[in-house]
Structure formats: C-alpha cells, structure tokens
Amino acid sequence: MSKILYFDCLSGISGDMTIGALLDLGIDQELFLEELNKIGIDGYELEIKKGQKNGITGTDFDVIIKNHHHHNHSESNHREHNHQHQHSDNHTHEHSHHHHHEHRNLADIEEIIDDSGLKASVKDLSKSIFRLVAKAEAKIHNKSIVEVHFHEVGAIDSIVDIVGVAICIDLLEVDEIYSSPLHLGTGFVKCAHGNIPVPAPATLEILEGVPVYSKGIESELVTPTGAAIIKTLAKEFKPLPEINIEKVGYGLGKKDLEVTNVLRVVLGKKKVKRI
C-alpha cells in the first residue's frame, strides 16, 4: 500500500493554510515545534488554534512578528487585516503581515537553512520551494536570481511557513502527493510596489504548466508562497485519486469568502498494482 497525500485547493493555498491543514491531520505539535526551533531565527511567535469556517472545524496557524512595522504585501491575503491583537507593549495593531525591514536574498535564506539543525531532506525541500519563488520574482522584476531581495518572501514569516511545511511533509512520511487544480481568485492586492493584479505576477509565473481556474472571487486565493509549495510538492494536479481515506485535515484561511476559506488535505492509502 502506498501512502498518498491529496491537497484539495477549493479556496486556493497559502503557506499558513498549508501548515494548518497538515497539523490538522494530527501531526504531533510538540515534535513540529521542536523541529521548527532548529531554524535558529527569532523575532516571532506562533499561534496555533482550532477554529471554524462555515461550521467546518480546522486548524488556524499564524506567525506573529514581534516589533514590526506595518507592511502590507502579497502574502497578506489570507492573514486578515481586521482581527486585532493586544501586545505587551500595549498598542493594538491590525494583524496584517508584519515585517522587519530586513531584505534578504536567496543566498541569505539558503544560509539560514543550511546552518540550521534541520534534517537534510527538510533543508532540501525548503530550498527548492524558495528557489521557485526567487526565480519567479527575478523574472517579474527583470533581475538576476542573486539580485532579488525578498520583501515579499525574505521576512521571517515566509521562512517559518516554508520550512514548517517541509517539516510537516517529513513527519507525515508519504509516498506520493497530488493536488486538485488551483482556485486563483481575482482583483487587486497591495504590495511593496503598489496595487498589483490578482493572481500576483509571481504566482502565475510559478504556476506555469499547472491547471488553474477562477470563479471571480475578489481575493488573492493563491499566494506566491502557496504556489511554490504546491508546485514543488505535487506530482500531478488532478481530481482525487482512488484511495482508502484515513484522515482529513482542514487549514483555515484568514478571510470570510463566498467559498469556504479552507485548504483541505486528505491522507489515504492506495493499492500498489502488482505487475
């Protein structure tokens, strides 16, 4: 029997939704957090809690950056701007994506990953995902891959999201990963360069060769990080293959949309055909 993981991207995909969904399958959270700490970066807190979207219970994963400045960009889609947090320094702020203005390039990020205590397989998967984003951003901004500075990706939250996903995949020990076609969304989103169309140019660049569709929902459903994660992981984009279902997990998005804003993952086994 081979172990299959299927991503049902009915409301798109982002880094935080992916981790939420994978943790929701029952991954040992203590073990996950222990691995994540091996990245060796600080300046953030995690909030992992159960919640609901349209009556469906799932896991909400959030990276909260400490001592941040306000900074909106294309990953802020799934992290809703209007739920407020009280912090110990006693100012309430909107919970958009918070960033230090630390601009890192791909080499900086790869160095953080390489110097960490993570497993080799987790390092490799994390770097593959980051490279895909860097390549797309380089093409969009007409720069070489070494010149791209990630205001979109280099901040702590993206490192946590991408490495966190790689850790979850490692802990699940699956044989094959598939995904549904991706639901993209439409409209415009604010980023460091001003208002850009949804899907973001980098997202479309990453998704070359991937089946996508849009139902006219005005929201960024697939983020560049989400696109890079699923493009790297999925062997094929197709309807749910024939499997015996074992577990289902739901990762909650941060917005309330016309569709249920969850990422659904299905874990199951399929019979291996004998020749």
C-alpha atoms as a PDB file:
ATOM      1  CA  MET A   1       0.000   0.000   0.000  1.00  0.00           C
ATOM      2  CA  SER A   2       1.384   3.390  -0.797  1.00  0.00           C
ATOM      3  CA  LYS A   3       0.639   6.441   1.362  1.00  0.00           C
ATOM      4  CA  ILE A   4      -0.992   9.312  -0.547  1.00  0.00           C
ATOM      5  CA  LEU A   5      -1.485  12.954   0.426  1.00  0.00           C
ATOM      6  CA  TYR A   6      -4.034  14.949  -1.579  1.00  0.00           C
ATOM      7  CA  PHE A   7      -4.452  18.744  -1.481  1.00  0.00           C
ATOM      8  CA  ASP A   8      -7.959  19.962  -2.225  1.00  0.00           C
ATOM      9  CA  CYS A   9      -7.344  23.646  -3.048  1.00  0.00           C
ATOM     10  CA  LEU A  10     -11.007  24.669  -3.252  1.00  0.00           C
ATOM     11  CA  SER A  11     -10.165  28.085  -1.820  1.00  0.00           C
ATOM     12  CA  GLY A  12      -6.581  28.386  -3.018  1.00  0.00           C
ATOM     13  CA  ILE A  13      -3.447  27.801  -0.953  1.00  0.00           C
ATOM     14  CA  SER A  14      -1.046  29.832   1.195  1.00  0.00           C
ATOM     15  CA  GLY A  15       1.821  28.890   3.484  1.00  0.00           C
ATOM     16  CA  ASP A  16      -0.108  29.316   6.738  1.00  0.00           C
ATOM     17  CA  MET A  17      -3.135  27.390   5.427  1.00  0.00           C
ATOM     18  CA  THR A  18      -0.862  24.522   4.347  1.00  0.00           C
ATOM     19  CA  ILE A  19       0.714  24.173   7.797  1.00  0.00           C
ATOM     20  CA  GLY A  20      -2.715  24.481   9.435  1.00  0.00           C
ATOM     21  CA  ALA A  21      -4.115  21.696   7.246  1.00  0.00           C
ATOM     22  CA  LEU A  22      -1.133  19.368   7.749  1.00  0.00           C
ATOM     23  CA  LEU A  23      -1.114  19.882  11.534  1.00  0.00           C
ATOM     24  CA  ASP A  24      -4.872  19.217  11.465  1.00  0.00           C
ATOM     25  CA  LEU A  25      -4.122  15.688  10.224  1.00  0.00           C
ATOM     26  CA  GLY A  26      -2.814  15.001  13.717  1.00  0.00           C
ATOM     27  CA  ILE A  27       0.914  15.703  13.451  1.00  0.00           C
ATOM     28  CA  ASP A  28       2.498  15.853  16.901  1.00  0.00           C
ATOM     29  CA  GLN A  29       2.653  19.609  17.563  1.00  0.00           C
ATOM     30  CA  GLU A  30       5.407  19.382  20.157  1.00  0.00           C
ATOM     31  CA  LEU A  31       7.578  17.499  17.693  1.00  0.00           C
ATOM     32  CA  PHE A  32       6.743  20.006  14.945  1.00  0.00           C
ATOM     33  CA  LEU A  33       7.671  22.984  17.167  1.00  0.00           C
ATOM     34  CA  GLU A  34      10.862  21.284  18.329  1.00  0.00           C
ATOM     35  CA  GLU A  35      11.941  20.861  14.679  1.00  0.00           C
ATOM     36  CA  LEU A  36      10.890  24.404  13.769  1.00  0.00           C
ATOM     37  CA  ASN A  37      13.065  25.814  16.546  1.00  0.00           C
ATOM     38  CA  LYS A  38      16.075  24.326  14.780  1.00  0.00           C
ATOM     39  CA  ILE A  39      15.872  27.101  12.167  1.00  0.00           C
ATOM     40  CA  GLY A  40      17.533  29.284  14.774  1.00  0.00           C
ATOM     41  CA  ILE A  41      15.745  32.558  13.983  1.00  0.00           C
ATOM     42  CA  ASP A  42      13.762  34.548  16.488  1.00  0.00           C
ATOM     43  CA  GLY A  43      11.564  37.620  16.446  1.00  0.00           C
ATOM     44  CA  TYR A  44       8.302  35.770  16.012  1.00  0.00           C
ATOM     45  CA  GLU A  45       5.635  33.944  17.946  1.00  0.00           C
ATOM     46  CA  LEU A  46       3.299  31.241  16.702  1.00  0.00           C
ATOM     47  CA  GLU A  47      -0.381  30.956  17.329  1.00  0.00           C
ATOM     48  CA  ILE A  48      -1.881  27.546  16.555  1.00  0.00           C
ATOM     49  CA  LYS A  49      -5.529  27.118  17.410  1.00  0.00           C
ATOM     50  CA  LYS A  50      -8.700  25.337  16.369  1.00  0.00           C
ATOM     51  CA  GLY A  51     -11.350  27.453  14.684  1.00  0.00           C
ATOM     52  CA  GLN A  52     -14.224  27.191  12.236  1.00  0.00           C
ATOM     53  CA  LYS A  53     -15.143  28.362   8.744  1.00  0.00           C
ATOM     54  CA  ASN A  54     -18.770  27.854   7.705  1.00  0.00           C
ATOM     55  CA  GLY A  55     -19.167  25.326  10.508  1.00  0.00           C
ATOM     56  CA  ILE A  56     -16.118  23.277   9.470  1.00  0.00           C
ATOM     57  CA  THR A  57     -13.540  22.878  12.225  1.00  0.00           C
ATOM     58  CA  GLY A  58      -9.897  23.191  11.263  1.00  0.00           C
ATOM     59  CA  THR A  59      -6.533  24.497  12.429  1.00  0.00           C
ATOM     60  CA  ASP A  60      -5.505  28.136  12.194  1.00  0.00           C
ATOM     61  CA  PHE A  61      -1.740  28.689  12.005  1.00  0.00           C
ATOM     62  CA  ASP A  62      -0.414  32.198  12.432  1.00  0.00           C
ATOM     63  CA  VAL A  63       3.072  33.696  12.551  1.00  0.00           C
ATOM     64  CA  ILE A  64       3.119  36.856  14.651  1.00  0.00           C
ATOM     65  CA  ILE A  65       6.161  39.038  14.102  1.00  0.00           C
ATOM     66  CA  LYS A  66       7.423  40.966  17.118  1.00  0.00           C
ATOM     67  CA  ASN A  67       8.482  44.646  16.968  1.00  0.00           C
ATOM     68  CA  HIS A  68       7.220  45.050  13.450  1.00  0.00           C
ATOM     69  CA  HIS A  69       6.350  47.925  11.235  1.00  0.00           C
ATOM     70  CA  HIS A  70       3.161  47.919   9.247  1.00  0.00           C
ATOM     71  CA  HIS A  71       3.844  46.306   5.949  1.00  0.00           C
ATOM     72  CA  ASN A  72       1.291  45.081   3.502  1.00  0.00           C
ATOM     73  CA  HIS A  73       2.234  42.832   0.677  1.00  0.00           C
ATOM     74  CA  SER A  74       1.017  39.981  -1.379  1.00  0.00           C
ATOM     75  CA  GLU A  75       1.090  37.410   1.384  1.00  0.00           C
ATOM     76  CA  SER A  76      -1.356  39.440   3.468  1.00  0.00           C
ATOM     77  CA  ASN A  77      -4.327  37.950   1.643  1.00  0.00           C
ATOM     78  CA  HIS A  78      -5.002  35.059   3.936  1.00  0.00           C
ATOM     79  CA  ARG A  79      -3.952  36.879   7.035  1.00  0.00           C
ATOM     80  CA  GLU A  80      -6.934  39.129   7.532  1.00  0.00           C
ATOM     81  CA  HIS A  81      -6.293  42.757   8.434  1.00  0.00           C
ATOM     82  CA  ASN A  82      -9.071  43.278  10.866  1.00  0.00           C
ATOM     83  CA  HIS A  83      -8.560  40.880  13.668  1.00  0.00           C
ATOM     84  CA  GLN A  84      -6.727  42.830  16.243  1.00  0.00           C
ATOM     85  CA  HIS A  85      -4.165  41.730  18.765  1.00  0.00           C
ATOM     86  CA  GLN A  86      -3.199  43.226  22.054  1.00  0.00           C
ATOM     87  CA  HIS A  87       0.539  43.134  22.626  1.00  0.00           C
ATOM     88  CA  SER A  88       2.539  43.538  25.785  1.00  0.00           C
ATOM     89  CA  ASP A  89       3.865  46.870  24.556  1.00  0.00           C
ATOM     90  CA  ASN A  90       0.215  47.821  24.737  1.00  0.00           C
ATOM     91  CA  HIS A  91      -0.578  49.009  21.297  1.00  0.00           C
ATOM     92  CA  THR A  92      -3.227  47.310  19.293  1.00  0.00           C
ATOM     93  CA  HIS A  93      -2.436  46.749  15.690  1.00  0.00           C
ATOM     94  CA  GLU A  94      -4.020  45.188  12.708  1.00  0.00           C
ATOM     95  CA  HIS A  95      -2.924  41.701  12.059  1.00  0.00           C
ATOM     96  CA  SER A  96      -1.616  42.031   8.570  1.00  0.00           C
ATOM     97  CA  HIS A  97       1.749  40.586   7.688  1.00  0.00           C
ATOM     98  CA  HIS A  98       4.308  42.238   9.899  1.00  0.00           C
ATOM     99  CA  HIS A  99       7.821  42.642   8.720  1.00  0.00           C
ATOM    100  CA  HIS A 100      11.144  43.783   9.864  1.00  0.00           C
ATOM    101  CA  HIS A 101      12.592  45.727   7.019  1.00  0.00           C
ATOM    102  CA  GLU A 102      15.282  43.159   6.625  1.00  0.00           C
ATOM    103  CA  HIS A 103      15.759  42.455   2.984  1.00  0.00           C
ATOM    104  CA  ARG A 104      17.277  39.060   2.418  1.00  0.00           C
ATOM    105  CA  ASN A 105      18.276  37.485  -0.844  1.00  0.00           C
ATOM    106  CA  LEU A 106      18.173  33.806  -1.748  1.00  0.00           C
ATOM    107  CA  ALA A 107      21.759  33.208  -0.571  1.00  0.00           C
ATOM    108  CA  ASP A 108      20.924  34.667   2.868  1.00  0.00           C
ATOM    109  CA  ILE A 109      17.879  32.432   3.192  1.00  0.00           C
ATOM    110  CA  GLU A 110      19.754  29.344   1.999  1.00  0.00           C
ATOM    111  CA  GLU A 111      22.477  30.094   4.526  1.00  0.00           C
ATOM    112  CA  ILE A 112      19.922  30.263   7.375  1.00  0.00           C
ATOM    113  CA  ILE A 113      18.518  26.901   6.246  1.00  0.00           C
ATOM    114  CA  ASP A 114      21.938  25.260   5.712  1.00  0.00           C
ATOM    115  CA  ASP A 115      23.237  26.448   9.096  1.00  0.00           C
ATOM    116  CA  SER A 116      20.169  25.128  10.928  1.00  0.00           C
ATOM    117  CA  GLY A 117      19.896  21.799  12.748  1.00  0.00           C
ATOM    118  CA  LEU A 118      17.175  20.595  10.373  1.00  0.00           C
ATOM    119  CA  LYS A 119      17.270  17.233   8.590  1.00  0.00           C
ATOM    120  CA  ALA A 120      18.888  17.187   5.158  1.00  0.00           C
ATOM    121  CA  SER A 121      15.584  16.256   3.469  1.00  0.00           C
ATOM    122  CA  VAL A 122      13.806  19.195   5.154  1.00  0.00           C
ATOM    123  CA  LYS A 123      16.595  21.587   4.117  1.00  0.00           C
ATOM    124  CA  ASP A 124      16.447  20.397   0.506  1.00  0.00           C
ATOM    125  CA  LEU A 125      12.676  20.720   0.227  1.00  0.00           C
ATOM    126  CA  SER A 126      12.698  24.183   1.844  1.00  0.00           C
ATOM    127  CA  LYS A 127      15.399  25.423  -0.524  1.00  0.00           C
ATOM    128  CA  SER A 128      13.592  24.039  -3.601  1.00  0.00           C
ATOM    129  CA  ILE A 129      10.452  25.973  -2.635  1.00  0.00           C
ATOM    130  CA  PHE A 130      12.382  29.204  -2.006  1.00  0.00           C
ATOM    131  CA  ARG A 131      14.233  28.858  -5.304  1.00  0.00           C
ATOM    132  CA  LEU A 132      10.979  28.637  -7.196  1.00  0.00           C
ATOM    133  CA  VAL A 133       9.797  31.908  -5.641  1.00  0.00           C
ATOM    134  CA  ALA A 134      13.163  33.613  -6.269  1.00  0.00           C
ATOM    135  CA  LYS A 135      13.167  32.550  -9.904  1.00  0.00           C
ATOM    136  CA  ALA A 136       9.662  33.930 -10.458  1.00  0.00           C
ATOM    137  CA  GLU A 137      10.391  37.226  -8.681  1.00  0.00           C
ATOM    138  CA  ALA A 138      13.625  37.605 -10.665  1.00  0.00           C
ATOM    139  CA  LYS A 139      11.769  37.201 -13.941  1.00  0.00           C
ATOM    140  CA  ILE A 140       8.972  39.617 -12.968  1.00  0.00           C
ATOM    141  CA  HIS A 141      11.399  42.313 -11.808  1.00  0.00           C
ATOM    142  CA  ASN A 142      13.888  41.669 -14.626  1.00  0.00           C
ATOM    143  CA  LYS A 143      16.755  40.920 -12.262  1.00  0.00           C
ATOM    144  CA  SER A 144      19.106  38.009 -11.808  1.00  0.00           C
ATOM    145  CA  ILE A 145      18.167  35.476  -9.143  1.00  0.00           C
ATOM    146  CA  VAL A 146      21.042  36.715  -6.912  1.00  0.00           C
ATOM    147  CA  GLU A 147      19.781  40.305  -7.041  1.00  0.00           C
ATOM    148  CA  VAL A 148      16.253  39.569  -5.922  1.00  0.00           C
ATOM    149  CA  HIS A 149      15.652  40.834  -2.423  1.00  0.00           C
ATOM    150  CA  PHE A 150      12.654  39.299  -0.821  1.00  0.00           C
ATOM    151  CA  HIS A 151      10.482  41.942   0.689  1.00  0.00           C
ATOM    152  CA  GLU A 152       7.758  39.529  -0.422  1.00  0.00           C
ATOM    153  CA  VAL A 153       9.440  36.409   0.833  1.00  0.00           C
ATOM    154  CA  GLY A 154      12.548  37.139   2.862  1.00  0.00           C
ATOM    155  CA  ALA A 155      10.804  38.051   6.045  1.00  0.00           C
ATOM    156  CA  ILE A 156      10.572  35.706   8.966  1.00  0.00           C
ATOM    157  CA  ASP A 157       7.040  34.546   8.304  1.00  0.00           C
ATOM    158  CA  SER A 158       7.852  33.094   4.888  1.00  0.00           C
ATOM    159  CA  ILE A 159      10.850  31.229   6.252  1.00  0.00           C
ATOM    160  CA  VAL A 160       8.647  29.816   9.015  1.00  0.00           C
ATOM    161  CA  ASP A 161       5.845  28.931   6.567  1.00  0.00           C
ATOM    162  CA  ILE A 162       8.082  27.223   4.010  1.00  0.00           C
ATOM    163  CA  VAL A 163      10.342  25.379   6.460  1.00  0.00           C
ATOM    164  CA  GLY A 164       7.267  24.497   8.544  1.00  0.00           C
ATOM    165  CA  VAL A 165       5.622  22.861   5.538  1.00  0.00           C
ATOM    166  CA  ALA A 166       8.807  20.899   4.779  1.00  0.00           C
ATOM    167  CA  ILE A 167       8.890  19.663   8.393  1.00  0.00           C
ATOM    168  CA  CYS A 168       5.234  18.555   8.242  1.00  0.00           C
ATOM    169  CA  ILE A 169       5.811  16.669   4.973  1.00  0.00           C
ATOM    170  CA  ASP A 170       8.827  14.941   6.517  1.00  0.00           C
ATOM    171  CA  LEU A 171       6.825  13.948   9.623  1.00  0.00           C
ATOM    172  CA  LEU A 172       3.959  12.542   7.527  1.00  0.00           C
ATOM    173  CA  GLU A 173       6.240  10.185   5.565  1.00  0.00           C
ATOM    174  CA  VAL A 174       4.002   9.988   2.491  1.00  0.00           C
ATOM    175  CA  ASP A 175       4.910   8.250  -0.767  1.00  0.00           C
ATOM    176  CA  GLU A 176       3.067  10.461  -3.252  1.00  0.00           C
ATOM    177  CA  ILE A 177       1.463  13.911  -3.213  1.00  0.00           C
ATOM    178  CA  TYR A 178      -1.261  15.127  -5.571  1.00  0.00           C
ATOM    179  CA  SER A 179      -3.315  18.290  -5.791  1.00  0.00           C
ATOM    180  CA  SER A 180      -6.563  19.486  -7.300  1.00  0.00           C
ATOM    181  CA  PRO A 181      -6.393  22.256  -9.920  1.00  0.00           C
ATOM    182  CA  LEU A 182      -5.893  25.606  -8.158  1.00  0.00           C
ATOM    183  CA  HIS A 183      -8.615  28.184  -7.497  1.00  0.00           C
ATOM    184  CA  LEU A 184      -6.899  31.548  -8.041  1.00  0.00           C
ATOM    185  CA  GLY A 185      -9.200  34.455  -7.222  1.00  0.00           C
ATOM    186  CA  THR A 186      -9.176  37.872  -8.892  1.00  0.00           C
ATOM    187  CA  GLY A 187      -8.963  41.621  -8.129  1.00  0.00           C
ATOM    188  CA  PHE A 188      -6.011  43.637  -6.840  1.00  0.00           C
ATOM    189  CA  VAL A 189      -3.766  43.413  -3.796  1.00  0.00           C
ATOM    190  CA  LYS A 190      -1.455  45.959  -2.152  1.00  0.00           C
ATOM    191  CA  CYS A 191       2.225  45.114  -2.061  1.00  0.00           C
ATOM    192  CA  ALA A 192       5.517  46.966  -1.775  1.00  0.00           C
ATOM    193  CA  HIS A 193       5.210  48.069  -5.420  1.00  0.00           C
ATOM    194  CA  GLY A 194       1.662  49.433  -5.085  1.00  0.00           C
ATOM    195  CA  ASN A 195      -1.544  47.745  -6.235  1.00  0.00           C
ATOM    196  CA  ILE A 196      -0.876  44.659  -8.321  1.00  0.00           C
ATOM    197  CA  PRO A 197      -3.351  42.327 -10.025  1.00  0.00           C
ATOM    198  CA  VAL A 198      -4.504  39.046  -8.508  1.00  0.00           C
ATOM    199  CA  PRO A 199      -3.186  36.465  -9.085  1.00  0.00           C
ATOM    200  CA  ALA A 200       0.130  38.189  -8.397  1.00  0.00           C
ATOM    201  CA  PRO A 201       2.531  38.052 -11.375  1.00  0.00           C
ATOM    202  CA  ALA A 202       4.962  35.874  -9.393  1.00  0.00           C
ATOM    203  CA  THR A 203       2.150  33.421  -8.595  1.00  0.00           C
ATOM    204  CA  LEU A 204       1.277  32.993 -12.277  1.00  0.00           C
ATOM    205  CA  GLU A 205       4.936  32.651 -13.172  1.00  0.00           C
ATOM    206  CA  ILE A 206       5.387  29.859 -10.613  1.00  0.00           C
ATOM    207  CA  LEU A 207       2.246  28.078 -11.795  1.00  0.00           C
ATOM    208  CA  GLU A 208       3.345  27.671 -15.397  1.00  0.00           C
ATOM    209  CA  GLY A 209       2.090  24.262 -16.543  1.00  0.00           C
ATOM    210  CA  VAL A 210      -0.343  23.878 -13.610  1.00  0.00           C
ATOM    211  CA  PRO A 211      -4.129  23.663 -14.189  1.00  0.00           C
ATOM    212  CA  VAL A 212      -5.827  26.709 -12.624  1.00  0.00           C
ATOM    213  CA  TYR A 213      -9.254  28.359 -12.684  1.00  0.00           C
ATOM    214  CA  SER A 214     -11.047  31.369 -11.235  1.00  0.00           C
ATOM    215  CA  LYS A 215     -14.646  31.765 -10.144  1.00  0.00           C
ATOM    216  CA  GLY A 216     -14.472  35.542  -9.887  1.00  0.00           C
ATOM    217  CA  ILE A 217     -13.913  35.738  -6.118  1.00  0.00           C
ATOM    218  CA  GLU A 218     -12.265  39.091  -5.409  1.00  0.00           C
ATOM    219  CA  SER A 219      -9.465  37.954  -3.159  1.00  0.00           C
ATOM    220  CA  GLU A 220      -5.953  36.599  -3.555  1.00  0.00           C
ATOM    221  CA  LEU A 221      -6.550  32.890  -3.013  1.00  0.00           C
ATOM    222  CA  VAL A 222      -3.161  31.531  -4.098  1.00  0.00           C
ATOM    223  CA  THR A 223      -0.121  33.389  -2.750  1.00  0.00           C
ATOM    224  CA  PRO A 224       3.363  33.137  -4.294  1.00  0.00           C
ATOM    225  CA  THR A 225       4.444  31.055  -1.283  1.00  0.00           C
ATOM    226  CA  GLY A 226       1.403  28.785  -1.606  1.00  0.00           C
ATOM    227  CA  ALA A 227       2.011  28.388  -5.336  1.00  0.00           C
ATOM    228  CA  ALA A 228       5.669  27.457  -4.815  1.00  0.00           C
ATOM    229  CA  ILE A 229       4.796  24.966  -2.076  1.00  0.00           C
ATOM    230  CA  ILE A 230       2.208  23.057  -4.108  1.00  0.00           C
ATOM    231  CA  LYS A 231       4.179  23.210  -7.370  1.00  0.00           C
ATOM    232  CA  THR A 232       7.167  21.675  -5.561  1.00  0.00           C
ATOM    233  CA  LEU A 233       5.155  19.034  -3.701  1.00  0.00           C
ATOM    234  CA  ALA A 234       2.541  17.806  -6.152  1.00  0.00           C
ATOM    235  CA  LYS A 235       3.421  15.041  -8.562  1.00  0.00           C
ATOM    236  CA  GLU A 236       0.276  15.787 -10.570  1.00  0.00           C
ATOM    237  CA  PHE A 237      -2.757  18.116 -10.474  1.00  0.00           C
ATOM    238  CA  LYS A 238      -5.918  16.068 -10.883  1.00  0.00           C
ATOM    239  CA  PRO A 239      -9.162  15.004  -9.192  1.00  0.00           C
ATOM    240  CA  LEU A 240      -8.854  12.903  -6.026  1.00  0.00           C
ATOM    241  CA  PRO A 241      -7.259   9.583  -6.999  1.00  0.00           C
ATOM    242  CA  GLU A 242      -8.695   6.267  -5.841  1.00  0.00           C
ATOM    243  CA  ILE A 243      -7.564   5.873  -2.237  1.00  0.00           C
ATOM    244  CA  ASN A 244      -8.805   4.495   1.072  1.00  0.00           C
ATOM    245  CA  ILE A 245      -9.226   7.621   3.199  1.00  0.00           C
ATOM    246  CA  GLU A 246      -7.539   7.570   6.591  1.00  0.00           C
ATOM    247  CA  LYS A 247      -7.576  11.176   7.765  1.00  0.00           C
ATOM    248  CA  VAL A 248      -8.791  14.581   6.594  1.00  0.00           C
ATOM    249  CA  GLY A 249      -7.354  17.911   7.751  1.00  0.00           C
ATOM    250  CA  TYR A 250      -8.536  21.498   7.308  1.00  0.00           C
ATOM    251  CA  GLY A 251      -6.294  24.575   7.334  1.00  0.00           C
ATOM    252  CA  LEU A 252      -8.219  27.783   7.918  1.00  0.00           C
ATOM    253  CA  GLY A 253      -7.776  30.890   5.791  1.00  0.00           C
ATOM    254  CA  LYS A 254      -7.958  34.288   7.449  1.00  0.00           C
ATOM    255  CA  LYS A 255     -10.830  35.734   5.424  1.00  0.00           C
ATOM    256  CA  ASP A 256     -14.521  35.016   5.094  1.00  0.00           C
ATOM    257  CA  LEU A 257     -15.283  34.496   1.416  1.00  0.00           C
ATOM    258  CA  GLU A 258     -18.156  33.296  -0.763  1.00  0.00           C
ATOM    259  CA  VAL A 259     -16.494  29.864  -0.723  1.00  0.00           C
ATOM    260  CA  THR A 260     -15.483  28.114   2.488  1.00  0.00           C
ATOM    261  CA  ASN A 261     -11.988  29.514   3.060  1.00  0.00           C
ATOM    262  CA  VAL A 262     -10.190  26.311   3.957  1.00  0.00           C
ATOM    263  CA  LEU A 263      -7.479  24.159   2.460  1.00  0.00           C
ATOM    264  CA  ARG A 264      -8.482  20.508   2.736  1.00  0.00           C
ATOM    265  CA  VAL A 265      -5.910  17.728   2.817  1.00  0.00           C
ATOM    266  CA  VAL A 266      -6.744  14.055   2.555  1.00  0.00           C
ATOM    267  CA  LEU A 267      -4.405  11.312   3.711  1.00  0.00           C
ATOM    268  CA  GLY A 268      -5.025   7.787   2.468  1.00  0.00           C
ATOM    269  CA  LYS A 269      -3.589   4.607   1.036  1.00  0.00           C
ATOM    270  CA  LYS A 270      -3.803   3.173  -2.416  1.00  0.00           C
ATOM    271  CA  LYS A 271      -3.180  -0.366  -3.501  1.00  0.00           C
ATOM    272  CA  VAL A 272       0.049  -0.771  -5.413  1.00  0.00           C
ATOM    273  CA  LYS A 273      -0.624  -2.641  -8.632  1.00  0.00           C
ATOM    274  CA  ARG A 274       1.415  -5.790  -8.934  1.00  0.00           C
ATOM    275  CA  ILE A 275       2.878  -6.365 -12.370  1.00  0.00           C
END
